[in-house]
Amino acid sequence: MSNAGNRKQPLVQETANRLRELSLASEPGARLGSLAEMAGQFDVGIVTVQQAARILEHEGLLKVKRGPGGGYSAARPDDAALERAFATYMRVHDINHREAFELAVMLDCEIIQTAAREIDESALPQIHSLLARLDTCADIEDCVDFEIRFRETLLGLFEQPLLELLAKVAMQMYREEGQSPMFEGDFDFEGWRIGRRRILEAILARDGELAGFEAQRYRQMAQGWLKG
């Protein structure tokens, strides 16, 4: 019985892979077919299709309408579900809050350089707004609030879903650890303000090379705070 189960599992996974590709190739909400139609299309039994469908349903890539007239439709997981899945992966692999923060700072370098290259005239007021907000920061809590707004603003300037997902999850993990203030040890408040100002000014100049340089310089400074 166990051997039969082991032999069947690859078939279920293979069917799930084919069903996943079919869903991703279809518009969300598009009907893919009934249980019997799917079984015929994949040349497998209906139980195999049902087991494969459960996998896809859990992934958020399939909607199942059960009962008479039922069937399968393509779907997409929402951003929150993807963030939860990736956060779970990081926790399973024991990525701690400091590693998560280091990842966020590293990703900042790519986010900042991309923002400087791709920003258009209509978005420049958002960067000026960040600069004005930076001047009003008076304590660590202001610094934390600024960092959140800083990333949200830059990520809103361009479409890089994977980069956005990684950055959001990394910072979420760091904040959920209850670390307050965000920067500890030898944190240099004025150095932080100067570093962020240089980055924002490079973005306003639309100078990707300079923005990348300033982002790397800021990263080295932040790594010093973490070591402290």
Protein backbone atom coordinates (compact mmCIF):
# COMPACT_ATOMS: atom_id res chain seq x y z
CA MET A 1 0.00 0.00 0.00
CA SER A 2 2.84 2.34 0.89
CA ASN A 3 4.63 1.63 -2.41
CA ALA A 4 1.42 2.33 -4.34
CA GLY A 5 1.12 5.64 -2.54
CA ASN A 6 4.73 6.51 -3.38
CA ARG A 7 4.14 5.68 -7.04
CA LYS A 8 1.02 7.83 -7.14
CA GLN A 9 2.59 10.90 -5.56
CA PRO A 10 4.75 11.84 -8.59
CA LEU A 11 1.63 11.62 -10.78
CA VAL A 12 -0.23 14.00 -8.47
CA GLN A 13 2.73 16.41 -8.51
CA GLU A 14 3.02 16.17 -12.29
CA THR A 15 -0.70 16.87 -12.64
CA ALA A 16 -0.43 19.78 -10.22
CA ASN A 17 2.44 21.20 -12.31
CA ARG A 18 0.40 20.95 -15.50
CA LEU A 19 -2.66 22.45 -13.83
CA ARG A 20 -0.51 25.27 -12.43
CA GLU A 21 0.84 26.11 -15.89
CA LEU A 22 -2.68 26.06 -17.30
CA SER A 23 -3.91 28.43 -14.60
CA LEU A 24 -0.97 30.83 -15.02
CA ALA A 25 -1.51 30.88 -18.79
CA SER A 26 -5.18 31.87 -18.30
CA GLU A 27 -6.77 35.09 -17.13
CA PRO A 28 -7.91 35.09 -13.49
CA GLY A 29 -11.49 33.86 -13.36
CA ALA A 30 -11.27 31.99 -16.66
CA ARG A 31 -12.96 28.58 -16.54
CA LEU A 32 -10.48 25.75 -17.03
CA GLY A 33 -12.95 22.89 -17.13
CA SER A 34 -14.89 20.41 -15.04
CA LEU A 35 -13.35 17.62 -12.98
CA ALA A 36 -14.10 15.10 -15.74
CA GLU A 37 -12.75 17.42 -18.44
CA MET A 38 -9.51 17.96 -16.52
CA ALA A 39 -9.10 14.23 -15.99
CA GLY A 40 -9.56 13.67 -19.72
CA GLN A 41 -7.21 16.49 -20.68
CA PHE A 42 -4.42 15.26 -18.41
CA ASP A 43 -5.21 11.56 -19.00
CA VAL A 44 -5.40 10.80 -15.28
CA GLY A 45 -8.08 9.67 -12.85
CA ILE A 46 -10.48 12.08 -11.20
CA VAL A 47 -8.96 11.38 -7.76
CA THR A 48 -5.56 12.49 -9.06
CA VAL A 49 -7.09 15.71 -10.40
CA GLN A 50 -8.83 16.34 -7.08
CA GLN A 51 -5.58 15.91 -5.16
CA ALA A 52 -3.69 18.16 -7.58
CA ALA A 53 -6.47 20.76 -7.38
CA ARG A 54 -6.14 20.90 -3.59
CA ILE A 55 -2.46 21.85 -4.00
CA LEU A 56 -3.31 24.64 -6.44
CA GLU A 57 -6.23 25.82 -4.33
CA HIS A 58 -3.89 26.14 -1.35
CA GLU A 59 -1.45 28.14 -3.50
CA GLY A 60 -4.23 30.51 -4.49
CA LEU A 61 -3.92 29.60 -8.17
CA LEU A 62 -7.22 27.75 -8.51
CA LYS A 63 -10.85 28.32 -7.57
CA VAL A 64 -12.97 25.23 -7.19
CA LYS A 65 -16.74 25.20 -7.60
CA ARG A 66 -18.00 21.95 -6.17
CA GLY A 67 -21.25 20.14 -6.86
CA PRO A 68 -23.40 19.91 -10.03
CA GLY A 69 -22.19 22.28 -12.71
CA GLY A 70 -18.95 22.81 -10.84
CA GLY A 71 -15.45 23.01 -12.15
CA TYR A 72 -12.12 24.80 -11.95
CA SER A 73 -11.22 28.42 -12.66
CA ALA A 74 -7.88 30.19 -12.82
CA ALA A 75 -6.99 32.42 -9.86
CA ARG A 76 -4.11 34.42 -8.43
CA PRO A 77 -2.94 34.66 -4.83
CA ASP A 78 -3.15 38.16 -3.35
CA ASP A 79 -0.04 40.05 -2.25
CA ALA A 80 -0.73 39.39 1.44
CA ALA A 81 -0.77 35.62 0.84
CA LEU A 82 2.53 35.77 -1.03
CA GLU A 83 4.10 37.85 1.73
CA ARG A 84 2.92 35.37 4.38
CA ALA A 85 4.31 32.45 2.40
CA PHE A 86 7.72 34.06 1.96
CA ALA A 87 7.82 35.20 5.59
CA THR A 88 7.09 31.62 6.64
CA TYR A 89 9.93 30.36 4.43
CA MET A 90 12.36 32.80 6.07
CA ARG A 91 11.26 31.75 9.55
CA VAL A 92 11.51 28.04 8.72
CA HIS A 93 15.13 28.66 7.70
CA ASP A 94 15.87 30.56 10.93
CA ILE A 95 16.53 33.94 9.35
CA ASN A 96 16.64 36.27 12.35
CA HIS A 97 15.63 39.92 12.60
CA ARG A 98 19.15 41.24 12.05
CA GLU A 99 19.61 39.16 8.92
CA ALA A 100 16.20 40.38 7.73
CA PHE A 101 17.26 43.98 8.30
CA GLU A 102 20.57 43.44 6.48
CA LEU A 103 18.60 41.98 3.57
CA ALA A 104 16.33 45.05 3.54
CA VAL A 105 19.32 47.41 3.48
CA MET A 106 20.95 45.40 0.69
CA LEU A 107 17.72 45.50 -1.34
CA ASP A 108 17.56 49.25 -0.76
CA CYS A 109 20.63 49.63 -2.97
CA GLU A 110 18.79 48.13 -5.94
CA ILE A 111 15.55 49.97 -5.13
CA ILE A 112 17.34 53.33 -4.89
CA GLN A 113 19.36 52.89 -8.09
CA THR A 114 16.28 51.76 -10.02
CA ALA A 115 14.25 54.69 -8.68
CA ALA A 116 16.92 57.17 -9.80
CA ARG A 117 17.00 55.65 -13.29
CA GLU A 118 13.26 55.35 -13.81
CA ILE A 119 11.72 58.30 -11.96
CA ASP A 120 9.80 60.75 -14.13
CA GLU A 121 8.94 64.40 -13.69
CA SER A 122 5.53 63.73 -12.17
CA ALA A 123 7.06 61.76 -9.28
CA LEU A 124 9.64 64.36 -8.25
CA PRO A 125 7.26 66.05 -5.76
CA GLN A 126 7.15 62.79 -3.80
CA ILE A 127 10.93 62.90 -3.36
CA HIS A 128 10.77 66.58 -2.34
CA SER A 129 8.11 65.54 0.21
CA LEU A 130 10.48 62.94 1.64
CA LEU A 131 13.23 65.54 1.93
CA ALA A 132 10.87 67.87 3.80
CA ARG A 133 9.84 65.02 6.10
CA LEU A 134 13.48 64.18 6.72
CA ASP A 135 14.11 67.71 8.00
CA THR A 136 11.36 67.32 10.60
CA CYS A 137 12.70 64.05 12.07
CA ALA A 138 13.60 64.75 15.68
CA ASP A 139 13.92 61.34 17.32
CA ILE A 140 14.22 57.62 16.64
CA GLU A 141 10.49 57.09 16.23
CA ASP A 142 10.48 59.74 13.52
CA CYS A 143 13.35 57.85 11.92
CA VAL A 144 11.35 54.60 11.92
CA ASP A 145 8.31 56.32 10.38
CA PHE A 146 10.51 57.92 7.73
CA GLU A 147 12.10 54.59 6.79
CA ILE A 148 8.68 53.03 6.21
CA ARG A 149 7.54 55.98 4.06
CA PHE A 150 10.88 56.03 2.23
CA ARG A 151 10.54 52.44 1.01
CA GLU A 152 6.84 52.73 0.22
CA THR A 153 7.48 55.83 -1.89
CA LEU A 154 10.40 54.40 -3.84
CA LEU A 155 8.69 51.06 -4.45
CA GLY A 156 5.71 52.95 -5.82
CA LEU A 157 7.84 54.53 -8.55
CA PHE A 158 8.41 51.38 -10.61
CA GLU A 159 7.18 47.84 -11.20
CA GLN A 160 9.48 45.19 -9.71
CA PRO A 161 7.17 42.80 -7.85
CA LEU A 162 9.86 40.40 -6.59
CA LEU A 163 12.01 43.22 -5.22
CA GLU A 164 8.97 44.76 -3.54
CA LEU A 165 7.97 41.42 -1.99
CA LEU A 166 11.44 40.76 -0.59
CA ALA A 167 11.78 44.26 0.83
CA LYS A 168 8.34 44.24 2.46
CA VAL A 169 8.82 40.84 4.08
CA ALA A 170 12.33 41.65 5.31
CA MET A 171 11.20 44.85 7.02
CA GLN A 172 8.04 43.21 8.35
CA MET A 173 10.11 40.49 9.99
CA TYR A 174 12.42 43.05 11.55
CA ARG A 175 9.54 45.10 12.98
CA GLU A 176 7.69 42.04 14.28
CA GLU A 177 10.64 41.13 16.46
CA GLY A 178 9.68 44.09 18.65
CA GLN A 179 13.01 45.81 18.07
CA SER A 180 12.68 49.45 19.10
CA PRO A 181 14.34 51.60 18.08
CA MET A 182 14.91 50.14 14.63
CA PHE A 183 18.58 51.05 14.73
CA GLU A 184 20.48 50.03 17.82
CA GLY A 185 23.94 50.20 19.30
CA ASP A 186 26.09 52.89 17.71
CA PHE A 187 23.30 54.43 15.65
CA ASP A 188 24.29 57.90 14.42
CA PHE A 189 21.11 59.95 13.98
CA GLU A 190 22.75 62.82 12.14
CA GLY A 191 24.75 60.42 9.96
CA TRP A 192 21.49 58.69 9.08
CA ARG A 193 19.88 61.98 8.10
CA ILE A 194 22.86 63.00 5.93
CA GLY A 195 22.97 59.59 4.25
CA ARG A 196 19.28 59.62 3.38
CA ARG A 197 19.51 63.23 2.14
CA ARG A 198 22.37 62.35 -0.23
CA ILE A 199 20.36 59.45 -1.61
CA LEU A 200 17.24 61.54 -2.16
CA GLU A 201 19.23 64.30 -3.85
CA ALA A 202 20.83 61.75 -6.20
CA ILE A 203 17.35 60.45 -7.08
CA LEU A 204 16.15 64.01 -7.76
CA ALA A 205 19.16 64.42 -10.07
CA ARG A 206 18.11 61.17 -11.79
CA ASP A 207 21.68 59.98 -11.48
CA GLY A 208 21.55 56.20 -11.13
CA GLU A 209 25.30 55.82 -10.70
CA LEU A 210 25.48 58.42 -7.93
CA ALA A 211 22.37 57.01 -6.26
CA GLY A 212 23.93 53.54 -6.29
CA PHE A 213 27.14 54.91 -4.77
CA GLU A 214 25.27 56.76 -2.01
CA ALA A 215 23.12 53.68 -1.31
CA GLN A 216 26.22 51.52 -0.89
CA ARG A 217 27.80 54.13 1.38
CA TYR A 218 24.64 54.18 3.50
CA ARG A 219 24.64 50.38 3.60
CA GLN A 220 28.17 50.33 5.01
CA MET A 221 27.15 52.83 7.66
CA ALA A 222 24.09 50.78 8.61
CA GLN A 223 26.18 47.63 8.86
CA GLY A 224 28.40 49.50 11.33
CA TRP A 225 25.34 50.27 13.48
CA LEU A 226 24.37 46.60 13.47
CA LYS A 227 27.86 45.49 14.51
CA GLY A 228 27.80 48.08 17.27
